[in-house]
Amino acid sequence: MARLMNTFDTHLSISTLAGTPGYVLPEYYQSFRCTTKGDVYSYGVILLELLSGKRPIDPSIFGDENNLVGWAKQLHIDKRTSEILDPELIRQESGEVELYQYLKIAFKCLDGRAF
């Protein structure tokens, strides 16, 4: 979802990050350095997006949290984790336990302390 680009090079290199803000590791905006942590974080956002059926940034849905990650983390803290999962996905999926395992993986990817 994000990659390093240099307009003068034909290969990936250090320069400017191009990508959707909802997928970029928040620490990037402090250091402007890309690491593998950012890739793990982006994967967590994508997984969360698939499980919830929601886009990464949508103020009309997430209110004060303003993004999917903050919204999901708050629901998790409030012990309302079941509200994160897309109801349609739960209806169609016979393995609800697996969905919660995927959600657990997403949260590990989004937790900077885990890597």
N, C-alpha and C. Protein backbone atom coordinates (compact mmCIF):
# COMPACT_ATOMS: atom_id res chain seq x y z
N MET A 1 0.82 -1.19 0.00
CA MET A 1 0.00 0.00 0.00
C MET A 1 0.86 1.25 0.00
N ALA A 2 2.08 1.11 0.42
CA ALA A 2 2.98 2.26 0.42
C ALA A 2 4.33 1.78 -0.07
N ARG A 3 5.01 2.60 -0.78
CA ARG A 3 6.33 2.22 -1.28
C ARG A 3 7.22 3.45 -1.39
N LEU A 4 8.49 3.18 -1.39
CA LEU A 4 9.46 4.26 -1.55
C LEU A 4 9.60 4.56 -3.03
N MET A 5 9.62 5.84 -3.38
CA MET A 5 9.75 6.21 -4.78
C MET A 5 10.74 7.35 -4.93
N ASN A 6 11.49 7.31 -5.98
CA ASN A 6 12.35 8.40 -6.36
C ASN A 6 12.09 8.63 -7.84
N THR A 7 11.69 9.82 -8.20
CA THR A 7 11.29 10.08 -9.58
C THR A 7 12.43 9.89 -10.57
N PHE A 8 13.68 9.91 -10.12
CA PHE A 8 14.81 9.77 -11.03
C PHE A 8 15.30 8.32 -11.16
N ASP A 9 14.81 7.44 -10.32
CA ASP A 9 15.26 6.05 -10.35
C ASP A 9 14.17 5.14 -10.90
N THR A 10 14.62 4.03 -11.44
CA THR A 10 13.66 3.03 -11.95
C THR A 10 13.44 1.92 -10.93
N HIS A 11 14.12 1.99 -9.81
CA HIS A 11 13.97 0.98 -8.75
C HIS A 11 13.56 1.67 -7.45
N LEU A 12 13.15 0.88 -6.49
CA LEU A 12 12.75 1.43 -5.20
C LEU A 12 13.97 1.92 -4.45
N SER A 13 13.85 3.09 -3.86
CA SER A 13 14.95 3.66 -3.09
C SER A 13 14.39 4.61 -2.06
N ILE A 14 15.27 5.20 -1.26
CA ILE A 14 14.79 6.16 -0.28
C ILE A 14 14.44 7.46 -0.96
N SER A 15 13.38 8.03 -0.59
CA SER A 15 12.95 9.32 -1.12
C SER A 15 11.62 9.65 -0.47
N THR A 16 10.55 9.63 -1.23
CA THR A 16 9.23 10.02 -0.75
C THR A 16 8.34 8.81 -0.63
N LEU A 17 7.59 8.74 0.42
CA LEU A 17 6.64 7.64 0.59
C LEU A 17 5.38 7.98 -0.19
N ALA A 18 4.93 7.03 -0.97
CA ALA A 18 3.69 7.22 -1.72
C ALA A 18 2.73 6.14 -1.27
N GLY A 19 1.52 6.50 -0.94
CA GLY A 19 0.55 5.51 -0.50
C GLY A 19 -0.61 6.17 0.20
N THR A 20 -1.54 5.36 0.60
CA THR A 20 -2.73 5.84 1.28
C THR A 20 -2.43 6.02 2.76
N PRO A 21 -2.71 7.20 3.33
CA PRO A 21 -2.38 7.45 4.73
C PRO A 21 -2.93 6.42 5.72
N GLY A 22 -4.06 5.85 5.47
CA GLY A 22 -4.63 4.88 6.39
C GLY A 22 -3.82 3.62 6.55
N TYR A 23 -2.91 3.37 5.62
CA TYR A 23 -2.10 2.16 5.65
C TYR A 23 -0.68 2.39 6.15
N VAL A 24 -0.31 3.64 6.36
CA VAL A 24 1.07 3.98 6.71
C VAL A 24 1.23 3.98 8.22
N LEU A 25 2.33 3.40 8.67
CA LEU A 25 2.66 3.36 10.08
C LEU A 25 2.70 4.78 10.64
N PRO A 26 1.98 5.06 11.74
CA PRO A 26 1.92 6.43 12.27
C PRO A 26 3.30 7.02 12.59
N GLU A 27 4.25 6.21 13.01
CA GLU A 27 5.58 6.73 13.34
C GLU A 27 6.31 7.28 12.12
N TYR A 28 5.88 6.91 10.93
CA TYR A 28 6.53 7.40 9.72
C TYR A 28 6.49 8.93 9.68
N TYR A 29 5.40 9.50 10.13
CA TYR A 29 5.25 10.95 10.06
C TYR A 29 6.14 11.68 11.06
N GLN A 30 6.73 10.94 12.01
CA GLN A 30 7.68 11.55 12.94
C GLN A 30 9.11 11.44 12.43
N SER A 31 9.45 10.28 11.87
CA SER A 31 10.84 10.06 11.46
C SER A 31 11.05 10.09 9.95
N PHE A 32 9.98 9.90 9.18
CA PHE A 32 10.05 9.82 7.72
C PHE A 32 11.02 8.73 7.27
N ARG A 33 11.11 7.67 8.07
CA ARG A 33 11.93 6.51 7.72
C ARG A 33 11.02 5.31 7.57
N CYS A 34 11.19 4.59 6.49
CA CYS A 34 10.40 3.40 6.24
C CYS A 34 11.16 2.16 6.71
N THR A 35 10.45 1.27 7.35
CA THR A 35 11.05 0.03 7.83
C THR A 35 10.10 -1.12 7.55
N THR A 36 10.55 -2.32 7.88
CA THR A 36 9.67 -3.48 7.72
C THR A 36 8.49 -3.41 8.68
N LYS A 37 8.64 -2.65 9.77
CA LYS A 37 7.51 -2.46 10.68
C LYS A 37 6.32 -1.87 9.93
N GLY A 38 6.60 -0.98 9.00
CA GLY A 38 5.53 -0.36 8.22
C GLY A 38 4.80 -1.37 7.37
N ASP A 39 5.53 -2.34 6.82
CA ASP A 39 4.90 -3.39 6.02
C ASP A 39 3.98 -4.25 6.88
N VAL A 40 4.45 -4.57 8.09
CA VAL A 40 3.65 -5.38 9.01
C VAL A 40 2.39 -4.61 9.40
N TYR A 41 2.55 -3.33 9.70
CA TYR A 41 1.43 -2.48 10.06
C TYR A 41 0.40 -2.42 8.92
N SER A 42 0.87 -2.21 7.70
CA SER A 42 -0.02 -2.14 6.54
C SER A 42 -0.79 -3.44 6.36
N TYR A 43 -0.11 -4.56 6.57
CA TYR A 43 -0.79 -5.86 6.47
C TYR A 43 -1.90 -5.95 7.52
N GLY A 44 -1.63 -5.47 8.73
CA GLY A 44 -2.65 -5.47 9.78
C GLY A 44 -3.86 -4.63 9.40
N VAL A 45 -3.61 -3.48 8.77
CA VAL A 45 -4.71 -2.61 8.33
C VAL A 45 -5.54 -3.32 7.26
N ILE A 46 -4.87 -3.96 6.32
CA ILE A 46 -5.59 -4.67 5.26
C ILE A 46 -6.43 -5.80 5.85
N LEU A 47 -5.86 -6.55 6.76
CA LEU A 47 -6.59 -7.64 7.40
C LEU A 47 -7.80 -7.11 8.16
N LEU A 48 -7.62 -6.02 8.88
CA LEU A 48 -8.71 -5.39 9.61
C LEU A 48 -9.79 -4.88 8.66
N GLU A 49 -9.36 -4.34 7.55
CA GLU A 49 -10.29 -3.86 6.53
C GLU A 49 -11.14 -5.02 5.98
N LEU A 50 -10.51 -6.15 5.71
CA LEU A 50 -11.23 -7.32 5.20
C LEU A 50 -12.21 -7.88 6.23
N LEU A 51 -11.80 -7.90 7.49
CA LEU A 51 -12.65 -8.46 8.54
C LEU A 51 -13.83 -7.56 8.89
N SER A 52 -13.62 -6.26 8.80
CA SER A 52 -14.68 -5.31 9.20
C SER A 52 -15.56 -4.88 8.04
N GLY A 53 -15.02 -4.95 6.82
CA GLY A 53 -15.76 -4.45 5.67
C GLY A 53 -15.77 -2.93 5.59
N LYS A 54 -14.84 -2.29 6.31
CA LYS A 54 -14.78 -0.83 6.34
C LYS A 54 -13.47 -0.34 5.76
N ARG A 55 -13.50 0.89 5.23
CA ARG A 55 -12.29 1.51 4.68
C ARG A 55 -11.42 2.01 5.84
N PRO A 56 -10.11 2.16 5.59
CA PRO A 56 -9.20 2.58 6.66
C PRO A 56 -9.47 3.97 7.24
N ILE A 57 -9.96 4.89 6.40
CA ILE A 57 -10.25 6.25 6.89
C ILE A 57 -11.64 6.65 6.43
N ASP A 58 -12.50 6.97 7.40
CA ASP A 58 -13.85 7.43 7.09
C ASP A 58 -14.43 8.10 8.33
N PRO A 59 -14.25 9.42 8.46
CA PRO A 59 -14.72 10.14 9.64
C PRO A 59 -16.22 9.98 9.89
N SER A 60 -17.00 9.76 8.85
CA SER A 60 -18.44 9.63 9.04
C SER A 60 -18.79 8.34 9.78
N ILE A 61 -17.91 7.35 9.74
CA ILE A 61 -18.16 6.09 10.44
C ILE A 61 -17.46 6.06 11.78
N PHE A 62 -16.21 6.51 11.82
CA PHE A 62 -15.39 6.33 13.00
C PHE A 62 -15.44 7.48 14.00
N GLY A 63 -16.09 8.56 13.67
CA GLY A 63 -16.24 9.68 14.60
C GLY A 63 -14.91 10.24 15.05
N ASP A 64 -14.73 10.37 16.35
CA ASP A 64 -13.52 10.97 16.92
C ASP A 64 -12.26 10.17 16.60
N GLU A 65 -12.41 8.87 16.45
CA GLU A 65 -11.24 8.04 16.17
C GLU A 65 -10.70 8.34 14.77
N ASN A 66 -11.59 8.67 13.82
CA ASN A 66 -11.24 9.10 12.47
C ASN A 66 -10.63 8.02 11.59
N ASN A 67 -10.29 6.87 12.14
CA ASN A 67 -9.72 5.82 11.30
C ASN A 67 -10.07 4.43 11.83
N LEU A 68 -9.95 3.45 10.97
CA LEU A 68 -10.32 2.07 11.28
C LEU A 68 -9.50 1.51 12.43
N VAL A 69 -8.22 1.77 12.44
CA VAL A 69 -7.35 1.21 13.48
C VAL A 69 -7.74 1.74 14.86
N GLY A 70 -7.88 3.05 15.00
CA GLY A 70 -8.27 3.63 16.28
C GLY A 70 -9.64 3.15 16.74
N TRP A 71 -10.58 3.07 15.80
CA TRP A 71 -11.93 2.60 16.09
C TRP A 71 -11.90 1.16 16.59
N ALA A 72 -11.17 0.30 15.89
CA ALA A 72 -11.11 -1.12 16.27
C ALA A 72 -10.40 -1.30 17.61
N LYS A 73 -9.32 -0.55 17.82
CA LYS A 73 -8.61 -0.66 19.09
C LYS A 73 -9.50 -0.23 20.25
N GLN A 74 -10.29 0.82 20.06
CA GLN A 74 -11.19 1.27 21.13
C GLN A 74 -12.26 0.23 21.41
N LEU A 75 -12.83 -0.36 20.37
CA LEU A 75 -13.82 -1.43 20.59
C LEU A 75 -13.18 -2.61 21.32
N HIS A 76 -11.95 -2.92 21.00
CA HIS A 76 -11.24 -4.02 21.66
C HIS A 76 -11.02 -3.70 23.14
N ILE A 77 -10.62 -2.48 23.43
CA ILE A 77 -10.42 -2.04 24.83
C ILE A 77 -11.73 -2.11 25.60
N ASP A 78 -12.82 -1.72 24.93
CA ASP A 78 -14.15 -1.72 25.57
C ASP A 78 -14.79 -3.11 25.63
N LYS A 79 -14.01 -4.13 25.21
CA LYS A 79 -14.50 -5.52 25.19
C LYS A 79 -15.73 -5.68 24.29
N ARG A 80 -15.73 -4.95 23.17
CA ARG A 80 -16.81 -5.02 22.18
C ARG A 80 -16.24 -5.48 20.84
N THR A 81 -15.28 -6.40 20.92
CA THR A 81 -14.56 -6.86 19.74
C THR A 81 -15.48 -7.44 18.68
N SER A 82 -16.57 -8.06 19.09
CA SER A 82 -17.48 -8.67 18.11
C SER A 82 -18.07 -7.63 17.16
N GLU A 83 -18.13 -6.37 17.57
CA GLU A 83 -18.67 -5.31 16.73
C GLU A 83 -17.73 -4.93 15.58
N ILE A 84 -16.48 -5.37 15.65
CA ILE A 84 -15.53 -5.07 14.59
C ILE A 84 -15.83 -5.89 13.35
N LEU A 85 -16.20 -7.15 13.54
CA LEU A 85 -16.42 -8.05 12.42
C LEU A 85 -17.66 -7.68 11.62
N ASP A 86 -17.55 -7.76 10.32
CA ASP A 86 -18.66 -7.50 9.40
C ASP A 86 -19.73 -8.56 9.63
N PRO A 87 -20.96 -8.16 9.97
CA PRO A 87 -22.04 -9.14 10.22
C PRO A 87 -22.28 -10.06 9.02
N GLU A 88 -22.11 -9.55 7.83
CA GLU A 88 -22.29 -10.37 6.64
C GLU A 88 -21.23 -11.47 6.57
N LEU A 89 -20.03 -11.15 6.97
CA LEU A 89 -18.95 -12.13 6.98
C LEU A 89 -19.24 -13.22 8.01
N ILE A 90 -19.76 -12.84 9.15
CA ILE A 90 -20.10 -13.82 10.19
C ILE A 90 -21.21 -14.74 9.70
N ARG A 91 -22.20 -14.19 9.01
CA ARG A 91 -23.31 -15.01 8.51
C ARG A 91 -22.84 -16.02 7.47
N GLN A 92 -21.92 -15.60 6.62
CA GLN A 92 -21.47 -16.47 5.53
C GLN A 92 -20.38 -17.43 5.95
N GLU A 93 -19.68 -17.11 6.98
CA GLU A 93 -18.52 -17.91 7.40
C GLU A 93 -18.93 -18.90 8.48
N SER A 94 -18.60 -20.16 8.27
CA SER A 94 -18.95 -21.17 9.28
C SER A 94 -17.93 -21.20 10.41
N GLY A 95 -16.74 -20.66 10.19
CA GLY A 95 -15.69 -20.70 11.21
C GLY A 95 -15.52 -19.37 11.92
N GLU A 96 -16.45 -19.02 12.78
CA GLU A 96 -16.34 -17.74 13.49
C GLU A 96 -15.10 -17.69 14.37
N VAL A 97 -14.70 -18.84 14.89
CA VAL A 97 -13.49 -18.89 15.72
C VAL A 97 -12.28 -18.43 14.90
N GLU A 98 -12.21 -18.85 13.64
CA GLU A 98 -11.11 -18.46 12.78
C GLU A 98 -11.10 -16.95 12.54
N LEU A 99 -12.28 -16.37 12.40
CA LEU A 99 -12.35 -14.92 12.20
C LEU A 99 -11.72 -14.18 13.37
N TYR A 100 -11.97 -14.65 14.58
CA TYR A 100 -11.38 -14.01 15.75
C TYR A 100 -9.87 -14.24 15.80
N GLN A 101 -9.40 -15.37 15.27
CA GLN A 101 -7.96 -15.61 15.18
C GLN A 101 -7.32 -14.62 14.21
N TYR A 102 -7.99 -14.39 13.07
CA TYR A 102 -7.49 -13.41 12.10
C TYR A 102 -7.46 -12.01 12.72
N LEU A 103 -8.48 -11.70 13.50
CA LEU A 103 -8.54 -10.40 14.16
C LEU A 103 -7.39 -10.26 15.15
N LYS A 104 -7.08 -11.33 15.84
CA LYS A 104 -5.96 -11.33 16.78
C LYS A 104 -4.64 -11.07 16.04
N ILE A 105 -4.49 -11.68 14.88
CA ILE A 105 -3.29 -11.46 14.06
C ILE A 105 -3.21 -9.99 13.62
N ALA A 106 -4.36 -9.44 13.21
CA ALA A 106 -4.40 -8.03 12.79
C ALA A 106 -3.93 -7.12 13.93
N PHE A 107 -4.42 -7.36 15.14
CA PHE A 107 -4.03 -6.53 16.27
C PHE A 107 -2.55 -6.67 16.59
N LYS A 108 -2.00 -7.86 16.42
CA LYS A 108 -0.55 -8.04 16.65
C LYS A 108 0.26 -7.23 15.62
N CYS A 109 -0.24 -7.21 14.39
CA CYS A 109 0.45 -6.43 13.34
C CYS A 109 0.38 -4.93 13.61
N LEU A 110 -0.69 -4.49 14.23
CA LEU A 110 -0.90 -3.07 14.49
C LEU A 110 -0.25 -2.59 15.77
N ASP A 111 0.24 -3.53 16.58
CA ASP A 111 0.87 -3.20 17.85
C ASP A 111 2.37 -3.06 17.64
N GLY A 112 2.88 -1.87 17.69
CA GLY A 112 4.29 -1.61 17.45
C GLY A 112 5.21 -2.30 18.43
N ARG A 113 4.70 -2.66 19.60
CA ARG A 113 5.54 -3.33 20.59
C ARG A 113 5.80 -4.78 20.22
N ALA A 114 4.96 -5.33 19.33
CA ALA A 114 5.06 -6.76 18.99
C ALA A 114 6.24 -7.06 18.07
N PHE A 115 6.84 -6.03 17.46
CA PHE A 115 7.95 -6.30 16.53
C PHE A 115 9.06 -5.31 16.69
